[in-house]
Amino acid sequence: MKVFTVLLFVLCSTFLLSQENEIKKAENEYRVIKQQLDSLEIVLEDLKLAKIRNDLKEYGLPSVSDNEELIWHSSMVLVYDEQHEIAKWVAHILLSDVTRGSVSRTNDFRPDSLVKTGSTIEEDYFLKHLQADSTYKYDGYGYDRGHLAPSADFRWSERALSESYLYSNIAPQLPEFNRNKWADIENFVRAYMYRYPKSQLFVVTGPVLNDELPKLERSPNRVSIPEQYYKVIMDFEAKRGMAFLVPHKNLIYPPEYYAITIDSLEEITGINFFHTLSNEDESKIEAKINIEAWLPKSSKNDKTPIKEKDLPKNAWNTVEAVLFVDKNEKITVCGTVVSTHKSNKGNVFLNLDKSFPNQIFSVTIWNRDLINFSYQPEIFLLNKKICVTGTISSYQGVPGTYVNNEKRLEIIE
């Protein structure tokens, strides 16, 4: 029995030692492969960044005057405007890698050493004072350090993302602008890449600059405060392009409301975007805008809320209607019927400008009131531009009204 116990112990020890050796062997193999993969990732990142710079140089840059200098970084290029201490524009390419990237914000804001005249610095946006408890007290000037080329567009490359925090890529933006609708526009652009992962988007972002812009008074470099920002996007393969021109204020409209043609933006800024385009492509792409092509399938029928200048007299659009919720005031709201629904109980619901489930304004016609209509509203009114008059209430956060006869509803187109 004693011999058997000793033999069993020897066998178990040998087995355990063999397992340990196998584990160490596997760990060593893993380390070698991991090192190889890390090296390959660096090589792959270098190749992608080099291709970005090459494609930008060949296709994606605005025209540059003799007194302007291109400042190249790993994945973006810019022209810096010394008079305003902001980039005149920043160009970059959005790759499908952004859909798989996992690099986090670096927040390593720093001056851009490649700007020969010197870029802005931290003190141009806020001051910080060291306290007795070793914490800092911040004294801000009321503006965010807003990215022009968004850091989230580079979340696939730690190097490129870090460079997006260079002050040459930063401009003063109101917090309510930077964190809300401007962010929605940036998300709008990235969402396109999720739907078309085989494409690459050329993006140019900048402020609209002029000699009358106010300055950040406490800024050592006297940074200008833009009144408008723009973003231009181009899918060369799909021959599709558009621009956004956005007022620098607290915005209420969806991104597509601020969409304009590239030609229109060129007239405003004096910048020739994508100047390498042929005359034929320029007339096809830059002179027109097909907003539906940039929207997801669920939003293909959506329409841009009517511009204020195009509204009938004393009428409001579907976005502005929220201002009158529960005010017990009759107003006229105009928009396009983009989706309809007739419930099992026979009630009719019309969604203006935005389809369900993203509706922004709804019109309800109860079953009992359908007798007051000479047509079937859910069929006849689809895709028509209408104006409805009534008091505004809210259901699950969506403003709307109800109409009980066709005289309270006017077809305008």
Protein backbone atom coordinates (compact mmCIF):
# COMPACT_ATOMS: atom_id res chain seq x y z
CA MET A 1 0.00 0.00 0.00
CA LYS A 2 2.85 2.36 0.87
CA VAL A 3 4.58 1.65 -2.47
CA PHE A 4 1.32 2.32 -4.32
CA THR A 5 0.92 5.70 -2.56
CA VAL A 6 4.45 6.74 -3.47
CA LEU A 7 3.90 5.69 -7.08
CA LEU A 8 0.63 7.63 -7.26
CA PHE A 9 2.36 10.72 -5.87
CA VAL A 10 5.13 10.45 -8.47
CA LEU A 11 2.61 10.05 -11.29
CA CYS A 12 0.54 13.03 -10.10
CA SER A 13 3.65 15.21 -9.71
CA THR A 14 4.82 14.26 -13.19
CA PHE A 15 1.38 15.07 -14.64
CA LEU A 16 1.20 18.44 -12.85
CA LEU A 17 4.74 19.31 -13.96
CA SER A 18 3.82 18.40 -17.52
CA GLN A 19 0.75 20.67 -17.31
CA GLU A 20 2.82 23.55 -15.98
CA ASN A 21 5.32 23.11 -18.79
CA GLU A 22 2.51 23.09 -21.38
CA ILE A 23 1.03 26.27 -19.85
CA LYS A 24 4.42 28.02 -19.91
CA LYS A 25 4.96 26.90 -23.48
CA ALA A 26 1.53 28.23 -24.53
CA GLU A 27 2.14 31.51 -22.70
CA ASN A 28 5.47 31.97 -24.46
CA GLU A 29 3.86 31.24 -27.83
CA TYR A 30 1.07 33.72 -27.02
CA ARG A 31 3.60 36.44 -26.13
CA VAL A 32 5.46 35.91 -29.40
CA ILE A 33 2.26 36.02 -31.47
CA LYS A 34 0.99 39.05 -29.51
CA GLN A 35 4.25 40.89 -30.20
CA GLN A 36 3.93 40.01 -33.88
CA LEU A 37 0.32 41.22 -33.96
CA ASP A 38 1.23 44.46 -32.18
CA SER A 39 4.01 45.06 -34.68
CA LEU A 40 1.67 44.27 -37.57
CA GLU A 41 -0.97 46.66 -36.17
CA ILE A 42 1.61 49.46 -36.12
CA VAL A 43 2.61 48.69 -39.71
CA LEU A 44 -1.06 48.55 -40.76
CA GLU A 45 -1.83 51.84 -39.00
CA ASP A 46 1.17 53.49 -40.70
CA LEU A 47 -0.04 52.26 -44.10
CA LYS A 48 -3.58 53.52 -43.53
CA LEU A 49 -2.39 56.91 -42.31
CA ALA A 50 -0.07 57.21 -45.31
CA LYS A 51 -2.96 56.38 -47.66
CA ILE A 52 -5.14 59.00 -45.96
CA ARG A 53 -2.51 61.67 -46.53
CA ASN A 54 -2.03 60.57 -50.13
CA ASP A 55 -5.80 60.56 -50.86
CA LEU A 56 -6.23 63.93 -49.21
CA LYS A 57 -3.43 65.36 -51.34
CA GLU A 58 -4.86 63.89 -54.53
CA TYR A 59 -8.59 64.44 -54.03
CA GLY A 60 -9.65 65.96 -50.74
CA LEU A 61 -8.15 69.41 -50.29
CA PRO A 62 -9.62 72.85 -50.89
CA SER A 63 -7.60 75.15 -53.11
CA VAL A 64 -4.82 77.02 -51.30
CA SER A 65 -3.62 80.55 -52.03
CA ASP A 66 0.05 81.51 -52.29
CA ASN A 67 0.17 82.98 -48.79
CA GLU A 68 -1.38 79.91 -47.13
CA GLU A 69 0.57 76.94 -45.80
CA LEU A 70 -0.67 73.37 -45.53
CA ILE A 71 0.03 71.87 -42.12
CA TRP A 72 0.12 68.09 -42.33
CA HIS A 73 -0.51 65.70 -39.45
CA SER A 74 -0.90 61.92 -39.41
CA SER A 75 -4.51 61.90 -40.57
CA MET A 76 -5.55 65.51 -41.09
CA VAL A 77 -4.33 68.61 -42.87
CA LEU A 78 -5.23 72.21 -42.16
CA VAL A 79 -4.63 75.83 -43.02
CA TYR A 80 -4.19 78.03 -39.95
CA ASP A 81 -5.49 81.60 -39.96
CA GLU A 82 -3.19 83.76 -37.87
CA GLN A 83 -5.54 86.75 -37.88
CA HIS A 84 -8.27 84.73 -36.14
CA GLU A 85 -6.05 82.18 -34.35
CA ILE A 86 -8.26 79.37 -35.70
CA ALA A 87 -7.83 76.96 -38.55
CA LYS A 88 -9.41 78.28 -41.74
CA TRP A 89 -10.34 74.67 -42.42
CA VAL A 90 -9.35 71.14 -41.38
CA ALA A 91 -9.59 68.23 -43.82
CA HIS A 92 -9.63 64.55 -42.89
CA ILE A 93 -10.96 61.23 -44.14
CA LEU A 94 -13.49 59.13 -42.27
CA LEU A 95 -12.74 55.42 -42.65
CA SER A 96 -14.97 52.45 -41.88
CA ASP A 97 -12.41 51.57 -39.19
CA VAL A 98 -14.28 54.06 -36.99
CA THR A 99 -17.09 51.50 -36.68
CA ARG A 100 -14.69 49.05 -35.01
CA GLY A 101 -12.35 51.44 -33.22
CA SER A 102 -12.08 51.45 -29.44
CA VAL A 103 -9.51 54.17 -28.66
CA SER A 104 -10.78 56.42 -25.86
CA ARG A 105 -10.58 60.20 -25.59
CA THR A 106 -7.10 61.36 -24.71
CA ASN A 107 -7.90 64.96 -23.68
CA ASP A 108 -4.23 65.82 -24.26
CA PHE A 109 -4.88 69.34 -25.52
CA ARG A 110 -1.60 70.97 -26.55
CA PRO A 111 -0.21 73.66 -28.89
CA ASP A 112 0.57 72.69 -32.46
CA SER A 113 4.32 73.01 -32.93
CA LEU A 114 3.93 72.89 -36.72
CA VAL A 115 2.13 76.25 -36.78
CA LYS A 116 5.11 78.54 -37.40
CA THR A 117 3.39 81.61 -35.96
CA GLY A 118 2.25 79.64 -32.91
CA SER A 119 -1.16 78.15 -32.31
CA THR A 120 -3.54 78.95 -29.48
CA ILE A 121 -2.87 77.63 -25.98
CA GLU A 122 -4.85 76.55 -22.92
CA GLU A 123 -4.99 80.10 -21.55
CA ASP A 124 -6.91 81.17 -24.65
CA TYR A 125 -9.89 79.20 -23.35
CA PHE A 126 -9.63 79.19 -19.55
CA LEU A 127 -7.36 79.75 -16.56
CA LYS A 128 -6.72 77.24 -13.81
CA HIS A 129 -5.45 78.03 -10.32
CA LEU A 130 -3.78 75.49 -8.04
CA GLN A 131 -5.55 75.27 -4.67
CA ALA A 132 -4.12 74.43 -1.24
CA ASP A 133 -5.54 70.91 -1.48
CA SER A 134 -3.62 70.33 -4.76
CA THR A 135 -6.78 70.53 -6.87
CA TYR A 136 -7.37 73.14 -9.57
CA LYS A 137 -10.01 75.84 -9.69
CA TYR A 138 -11.04 76.57 -13.27
CA ASP A 139 -11.91 80.02 -14.56
CA GLY A 140 -13.59 79.53 -17.93
CA TYR A 141 -14.47 82.10 -20.58
CA GLY A 142 -17.85 80.54 -21.43
CA TYR A 143 -16.75 78.49 -24.44
CA ASP A 144 -15.87 74.85 -25.03
CA ARG A 145 -12.68 73.86 -26.78
CA GLY A 146 -14.58 72.58 -29.79
CA HIS A 147 -13.00 70.14 -32.21
CA LEU A 148 -13.19 70.90 -35.92
CA ALA A 149 -12.18 67.40 -37.05
CA PRO A 150 -14.01 65.35 -34.35
CA SER A 151 -11.87 63.17 -32.12
CA ALA A 152 -14.43 60.34 -32.42
CA ASP A 153 -13.69 60.13 -36.16
CA PHE A 154 -10.22 58.82 -35.26
CA ARG A 155 -11.12 56.27 -32.58
CA TRP A 156 -9.38 53.57 -34.62
CA SER A 157 -5.93 55.20 -34.27
CA GLU A 158 -4.42 56.35 -30.98
CA ARG A 159 -1.94 58.54 -32.83
CA ALA A 160 -4.56 60.27 -35.01
CA LEU A 161 -7.00 60.70 -32.13
CA SER A 162 -4.32 62.30 -29.97
CA GLU A 163 -3.44 64.75 -32.75
CA SER A 164 -7.07 65.86 -32.93
CA TYR A 165 -6.45 67.57 -29.56
CA LEU A 166 -3.87 69.92 -31.05
CA TYR A 167 -5.07 73.50 -30.54
CA SER A 168 -4.85 74.08 -34.30
CA ASN A 169 -7.91 71.80 -34.55
CA ILE A 170 -9.78 73.64 -31.78
CA ALA A 171 -12.16 76.61 -31.96
CA PRO A 172 -14.34 78.35 -29.36
CA GLN A 173 -17.84 76.86 -29.30
CA LEU A 174 -20.76 77.54 -27.01
CA PRO A 175 -21.41 74.49 -24.79
CA GLU A 176 -25.05 74.25 -25.89
CA PHE A 177 -23.87 74.26 -29.51
CA ASN A 178 -20.89 71.92 -29.21
CA ARG A 179 -22.56 69.27 -27.08
CA ASN A 180 -25.93 69.13 -28.81
CA LYS A 181 -26.81 69.79 -32.45
CA TRP A 182 -23.21 70.19 -33.65
CA ALA A 183 -22.54 66.78 -32.11
CA ASP A 184 -25.67 65.51 -33.90
CA ILE A 185 -24.22 66.66 -37.21
CA GLU A 186 -20.96 64.83 -36.44
CA ASN A 187 -23.02 61.73 -35.58
CA PHE A 188 -24.99 62.16 -38.82
CA VAL A 189 -21.73 61.91 -40.79
CA ARG A 190 -20.47 58.85 -38.88
CA ALA A 191 -23.85 57.13 -39.25
CA TYR A 192 -23.39 57.24 -43.02
CA MET A 193 -20.18 55.28 -42.63
CA TYR A 194 -21.98 52.60 -40.62
CA ARG A 195 -24.45 52.18 -43.48
CA TYR A 196 -21.78 52.24 -46.21
CA PRO A 197 -18.71 50.62 -44.61
CA LYS A 198 -16.93 50.10 -47.94
CA SER A 199 -16.79 53.83 -48.65
CA GLN A 200 -14.56 56.56 -47.32
CA LEU A 201 -15.75 60.08 -46.63
CA PHE A 202 -13.72 63.19 -47.29
CA VAL A 203 -14.61 65.80 -44.67
CA VAL A 204 -13.68 69.49 -44.46
CA THR A 205 -14.69 71.47 -41.37
CA GLY A 206 -14.16 75.07 -40.43
CA PRO A 207 -15.53 78.40 -39.21
CA VAL A 208 -16.88 81.13 -41.46
CA LEU A 209 -14.30 83.88 -40.98
CA ASN A 210 -14.57 87.61 -41.57
CA ASP A 211 -12.98 90.79 -40.25
CA GLU A 212 -15.97 91.71 -38.08
CA LEU A 213 -15.91 88.70 -35.77
CA PRO A 214 -15.77 89.40 -32.03
CA LYS A 215 -12.79 88.24 -29.98
CA LEU A 216 -12.39 86.27 -26.78
CA GLU A 217 -11.43 89.27 -24.68
CA ARG A 218 -9.45 87.34 -22.05
CA SER A 219 -7.66 85.24 -24.65
CA PRO A 220 -3.92 86.13 -24.83
CA ASN A 221 -3.98 85.44 -28.57
CA ARG A 222 -7.31 87.22 -29.12
CA VAL A 223 -9.11 84.24 -30.63
CA SER A 224 -12.04 85.10 -32.90
CA ILE A 225 -15.52 83.81 -32.04
CA PRO A 226 -17.16 82.48 -35.22
CA GLU A 227 -20.82 83.19 -35.89
CA GLN A 228 -21.15 80.16 -38.17
CA TYR A 229 -19.46 76.82 -38.66
CA TYR A 230 -19.54 74.53 -41.67
CA LYS A 231 -18.86 70.93 -42.56
CA VAL A 232 -18.48 69.55 -46.09
CA ILE A 233 -18.67 65.82 -46.84
CA MET A 234 -17.91 63.98 -50.05
CA ASP A 235 -18.23 60.35 -51.12
CA PHE A 236 -16.25 60.31 -54.36
CA GLU A 237 -17.10 56.73 -55.26
CA ALA A 238 -20.85 57.32 -54.95
CA LYS A 239 -20.46 60.79 -56.53
CA ARG A 240 -22.35 62.28 -53.62
CA GLY A 241 -21.64 65.45 -51.68
CA MET A 242 -23.25 68.00 -49.39
CA ALA A 243 -22.47 70.72 -46.88
CA PHE A 244 -23.80 72.01 -43.56
CA LEU A 245 -23.85 75.69 -42.66
CA VAL A 246 -24.66 76.02 -38.97
CA PRO A 247 -25.30 79.16 -36.87
CA HIS A 248 -23.14 79.25 -33.75
CA LYS A 249 -25.94 79.24 -31.18
CA ASN A 250 -28.27 76.90 -29.34
CA LEU A 251 -29.91 75.00 -32.20
CA ILE A 252 -33.29 73.26 -32.33
CA TYR A 253 -33.50 71.77 -35.82
CA PRO A 254 -32.37 68.31 -36.99
CA PRO A 255 -29.04 68.17 -38.89
CA GLU A 256 -30.58 68.05 -42.37
CA TYR A 257 -32.23 71.45 -41.78
CA TYR A 258 -28.78 73.04 -42.05
CA ALA A 259 -27.81 71.20 -45.25
CA ILE A 260 -26.90 73.28 -48.31
CA THR A 261 -25.12 72.63 -51.59
CA ILE A 262 -21.34 72.76 -51.69
CA ASP A 263 -21.59 75.47 -54.35
CA SER A 264 -23.61 77.64 -51.96
CA LEU A 265 -21.03 77.25 -49.21
CA GLU A 266 -18.22 78.11 -51.64
CA GLU A 267 -19.96 81.40 -52.42
CA ILE A 268 -20.24 82.20 -48.71
CA THR A 269 -16.69 81.24 -47.70
CA GLY A 270 -14.79 81.99 -50.90
CA ILE A 271 -13.17 78.53 -50.60
CA ASN A 272 -13.05 76.14 -53.55
CA PHE A 273 -13.65 72.77 -51.89
CA PHE A 274 -12.50 69.62 -53.71
CA HIS A 275 -10.98 71.70 -56.47
CA THR A 276 -9.64 68.63 -58.30
CA LEU A 277 -13.14 67.61 -59.38
CA SER A 278 -13.78 67.67 -63.11
CA ASN A 279 -16.20 70.31 -64.36
CA GLU A 280 -18.74 67.59 -65.12
CA ASP A 281 -18.56 66.06 -61.63
CA GLU A 282 -18.54 69.49 -60.03
CA SER A 283 -21.82 70.42 -61.70
CA LYS A 284 -23.36 67.07 -60.76
CA ILE A 285 -22.16 66.88 -57.16
CA GLU A 286 -21.55 70.37 -55.82
CA ALA A 287 -24.51 72.14 -57.40
CA LYS A 288 -27.12 69.72 -56.11
CA ILE A 289 -28.10 68.08 -52.86
CA ASN A 290 -30.01 64.86 -52.34
CA ILE A 291 -30.48 64.72 -48.59
CA GLU A 292 -32.42 61.45 -48.79
CA ALA A 293 -29.29 59.69 -50.04
CA TRP A 294 -27.54 60.51 -46.76
CA LEU A 295 -30.37 59.29 -44.53
CA PRO A 296 -30.98 55.76 -43.19
CA LYS A 297 -33.71 53.67 -44.85
CA SER A 298 -36.05 54.35 -41.94
CA SER A 299 -35.80 58.06 -42.72
CA LYS A 300 -35.88 57.98 -46.53
CA ASN A 301 -39.32 59.58 -46.63
CA ASP A 302 -38.43 62.28 -44.12
CA LYS A 303 -38.45 65.90 -45.17
CA THR A 304 -36.55 68.89 -43.88
CA PRO A 305 -38.79 71.15 -41.76
CA ILE A 306 -39.92 74.14 -43.81
CA LYS A 307 -37.50 77.05 -43.63
CA GLU A 308 -38.88 80.08 -41.80
CA LYS A 309 -38.63 82.24 -44.92
CA ASP A 310 -40.75 79.73 -46.87
CA LEU A 311 -43.57 79.42 -44.35
CA PRO A 312 -46.98 80.98 -44.99
CA LYS A 313 -47.67 84.16 -43.07
CA ASN A 314 -48.28 83.62 -39.33
CA ALA A 315 -47.37 79.94 -39.57
CA TRP A 316 -44.78 77.84 -37.73
CA ASN A 317 -42.83 74.76 -38.76
CA THR A 318 -42.87 71.38 -37.01
CA VAL A 319 -39.81 72.09 -34.88
CA GLU A 320 -41.04 75.46 -33.64
CA ALA A 321 -44.37 73.93 -32.59
CA VAL A 322 -42.81 72.70 -29.34
CA LEU A 323 -42.69 76.31 -28.16
CA PHE A 324 -46.51 76.30 -27.92
CA VAL A 325 -47.12 73.04 -26.05
CA ASP A 326 -49.88 73.46 -23.43
CA LYS A 327 -50.07 77.23 -24.08
CA ASN A 328 -53.79 76.91 -25.02
CA GLU A 329 -53.09 79.11 -28.03
CA LYS A 330 -54.26 78.25 -31.53
CA ILE A 331 -51.45 78.31 -34.04
CA THR A 332 -50.89 77.08 -37.59
CA VAL A 333 -48.20 74.43 -38.13
CA CYS A 334 -46.96 73.41 -41.59
CA GLY A 335 -45.03 70.37 -42.78
CA THR A 336 -45.02 67.38 -45.10
CA VAL A 337 -47.04 64.26 -44.28
CA VAL A 338 -44.32 61.60 -44.48
CA SER A 339 -46.13 58.71 -42.77
CA THR A 340 -49.68 57.85 -41.74
CA HIS A 341 -51.41 55.21 -39.66
CA LYS A 342 -55.00 54.15 -39.12
CA SER A 343 -55.47 52.26 -35.86
CA ASN A 344 -57.73 49.29 -35.21
CA LYS A 345 -60.18 51.73 -33.62
CA GLY A 346 -60.27 53.79 -36.80
CA ASN A 347 -58.28 56.78 -35.52
CA VAL A 348 -55.93 58.40 -38.06
CA PHE A 349 -52.43 59.67 -37.21
CA LEU A 350 -50.38 61.86 -39.55
CA ASN A 351 -46.66 62.41 -38.95
CA LEU A 352 -45.20 65.59 -40.38
CA ASP A 353 -41.60 65.80 -41.63
CA LYS A 354 -40.34 62.83 -39.57
CA SER A 355 -41.67 59.28 -39.78
CA PHE A 356 -42.55 57.03 -36.87
CA PRO A 357 -40.77 56.22 -34.55
CA ASN A 358 -38.76 59.45 -34.90
CA GLN A 359 -41.74 61.74 -35.37
CA ILE A 360 -41.44 65.37 -34.29
CA PHE A 361 -45.03 66.51 -34.87
CA SER A 362 -48.23 64.47 -35.19
CA VAL A 363 -51.79 65.26 -36.24
CA THR A 364 -54.64 63.16 -34.86
CA ILE A 365 -58.06 62.71 -36.46
CA TRP A 366 -60.41 60.73 -34.26
CA ASN A 367 -62.64 58.10 -35.85
CA ARG A 368 -65.78 60.03 -34.91
CA ASP A 369 -64.56 63.05 -36.95
CA LEU A 370 -63.67 61.23 -40.17
CA ILE A 371 -67.20 61.89 -41.42
CA ASN A 372 -66.18 65.57 -41.69
CA PHE A 373 -63.61 64.76 -44.38
CA SER A 374 -64.43 64.31 -48.06
CA TYR A 375 -61.43 62.02 -48.49
CA GLN A 376 -59.51 59.35 -46.59
CA PRO A 377 -56.85 61.43 -44.80
CA GLU A 378 -54.38 58.57 -44.25
CA ILE A 379 -54.27 57.93 -48.01
CA PHE A 380 -55.01 61.26 -49.65
CA LEU A 381 -52.68 63.39 -47.52
CA LEU A 382 -49.58 61.16 -47.68
CA ASN A 383 -46.60 63.06 -49.18
CA LYS A 384 -48.58 66.32 -49.30
CA LYS A 385 -47.43 69.53 -47.66
CA ILE A 386 -50.13 70.75 -45.30
CA CYS A 387 -50.89 73.35 -42.63
CA VAL A 388 -53.04 72.52 -39.61
CA THR A 389 -54.49 74.91 -37.07
CA GLY A 390 -55.15 74.12 -33.41
CA THR A 391 -53.77 74.13 -29.88
CA ILE A 392 -50.58 72.14 -29.28
CA SER A 393 -50.25 69.37 -26.72
CA SER A 394 -47.63 66.70 -26.12
CA TYR A 395 -47.96 62.92 -26.13
CA GLN A 396 -44.92 60.93 -24.96
CA GLY A 397 -42.78 63.97 -25.64
CA VAL A 398 -44.01 64.53 -29.22
CA PRO A 399 -45.89 67.79 -29.92
CA GLY A 400 -49.09 67.52 -31.88
CA THR A 401 -52.65 68.65 -32.41
CA TYR A 402 -55.95 67.16 -33.52
CA VAL A 403 -58.31 68.34 -36.23
CA ASN A 404 -62.02 67.53 -36.41
CA ASN A 405 -62.79 68.70 -39.94
CA GLU A 406 -60.98 69.34 -43.19
CA LYS A 407 -61.42 73.12 -42.93
CA ARG A 408 -58.77 73.15 -40.18
CA LEU A 409 -56.36 71.51 -42.58
CA GLU A 410 -55.02 73.22 -45.70
CA ILE A 411 -53.06 71.53 -48.47
CA ILE A 412 -50.37 73.95 -49.64
CA GLU A 413 -48.47 71.69 -52.07
